[in-house]
């Protein structure tokens, strides 16, 4: 499944040894049929040669109760499958 999305990348926030970058993506058309995902990408050193990359996010399914049922049945798996493409 493919869908063109607009991605917004916020200003990085650095605290001590880790950095988080806010992200948001949403469908370009038709917007009301697809959820908007809001999340962040975090970078944290594990040791001198390894850095941990964490991607997290949330979304609300569109279309009310029907959207929730579709999300539970299929779309959550589709959304989770898109994360490697983000990386």
Protein backbone atom coordinates (compact mmCIF):
# COMPACT_ATOMS: atom_id res chain seq x y z
CA UNK A 1 0.00 0.00 0.00
CA UNK A 2 1.35 3.45 -0.92
CA UNK A 3 0.21 6.93 0.00
CA UNK A 4 1.89 10.27 -0.52
CA UNK A 5 2.41 12.07 2.79
CA UNK A 6 3.70 15.42 3.96
CA UNK A 7 6.30 15.13 6.71
CA UNK A 8 7.05 17.89 9.19
CA UNK A 9 10.27 17.70 11.19
CA UNK A 10 10.50 19.87 14.29
CA UNK A 11 13.48 21.39 16.04
CA UNK A 12 15.72 18.83 17.80
CA UNK A 13 15.67 18.86 21.59
CA UNK A 14 18.91 17.80 23.28
CA UNK A 15 19.10 16.88 26.94
CA UNK A 16 22.24 15.48 28.51
CA UNK A 17 23.26 12.59 26.25
CA UNK A 18 20.13 12.12 24.08
CA UNK A 19 18.40 14.05 21.32
CA UNK A 20 14.74 13.89 20.27
CA UNK A 21 13.36 15.20 16.98
CA UNK A 22 9.58 15.73 16.77
CA UNK A 23 7.92 14.47 13.58
CA UNK A 24 4.44 14.63 12.12
CA UNK A 25 3.14 13.11 8.94
CA UNK A 26 -0.22 13.31 7.24
CA UNK A 27 -1.75 12.32 3.93
CA UNK A 28 -1.69 14.97 1.23
CA UNK A 29 -5.05 13.92 -0.27
CA UNK A 30 -7.71 13.03 0.77
CA UNK A 31 -6.68 14.07 4.26
CA UNK A 32 -9.88 13.04 6.05
CA UNK A 33 -9.51 9.37 5.03
CA UNK A 34 -6.08 8.90 6.60
CA UNK A 35 -4.74 9.46 10.12
CA UNK A 36 -2.12 12.03 11.05
CA UNK A 37 0.79 10.49 12.94
CA UNK A 38 2.57 12.52 15.61
CA UNK A 39 5.77 11.19 17.12
CA UNK A 40 9.47 11.57 17.62
CA UNK A 41 12.81 10.10 16.69
CA UNK A 42 15.25 9.72 19.59
CA UNK A 43 19.00 9.22 19.44
CA UNK A 44 20.88 8.06 22.52
CA UNK A 45 24.44 6.76 22.81
CA UNK A 46 24.77 3.24 24.16
CA UNK A 47 28.55 3.25 24.18
CA UNK A 48 31.37 4.86 22.18
CA UNK A 49 30.52 2.93 19.00
CA UNK A 50 26.76 2.35 19.23
CA UNK A 51 23.82 4.76 19.14
CA UNK A 52 20.23 3.70 19.84
CA UNK A 53 17.60 5.02 17.40
CA UNK A 54 14.00 4.92 18.65
CA UNK A 55 10.95 5.89 16.58
CA UNK A 56 7.63 6.33 18.38
CA UNK A 57 4.32 7.84 17.43
CA UNK A 58 0.58 7.82 17.85
CA UNK A 59 -2.43 8.42 15.63
CA UNK A 60 -6.21 8.48 15.85
CA UNK A 61 -7.99 6.48 13.15
CA UNK A 62 -10.25 8.62 10.92
CA UNK A 63 -13.92 7.87 10.23
CA UNK A 64 -15.03 7.37 13.84
CA UNK A 65 -16.14 3.89 14.90
CA UNK A 66 -15.73 2.41 11.42
CA UNK A 67 -12.17 3.74 11.29
CA UNK A 68 -11.42 2.20 14.70
CA UNK A 69 -12.70 -1.19 13.50
CA UNK A 70 -10.61 -0.99 10.32
CA UNK A 71 -7.60 0.04 12.37
CA UNK A 72 -8.01 -2.90 14.74
CA UNK A 73 -8.47 -5.35 11.86
CA UNK A 74 -5.83 -4.19 9.36
CA UNK A 75 -4.49 -0.66 9.39
CA UNK A 76 -2.41 -0.80 12.58
CA UNK A 77 -0.28 -3.50 10.98
CA UNK A 78 0.06 -1.36 7.84
CA UNK A 79 1.11 1.66 9.93
CA UNK A 80 3.70 -0.35 11.85
CA UNK A 81 5.06 -1.68 8.57
CA UNK A 82 5.74 1.87 7.36
CA UNK A 83 8.23 2.68 10.13
CA UNK A 84 11.23 1.03 8.40
CA UNK A 85 10.56 3.27 5.38
CA UNK A 86 10.86 6.29 7.64
CA UNK A 87 14.29 5.19 8.76
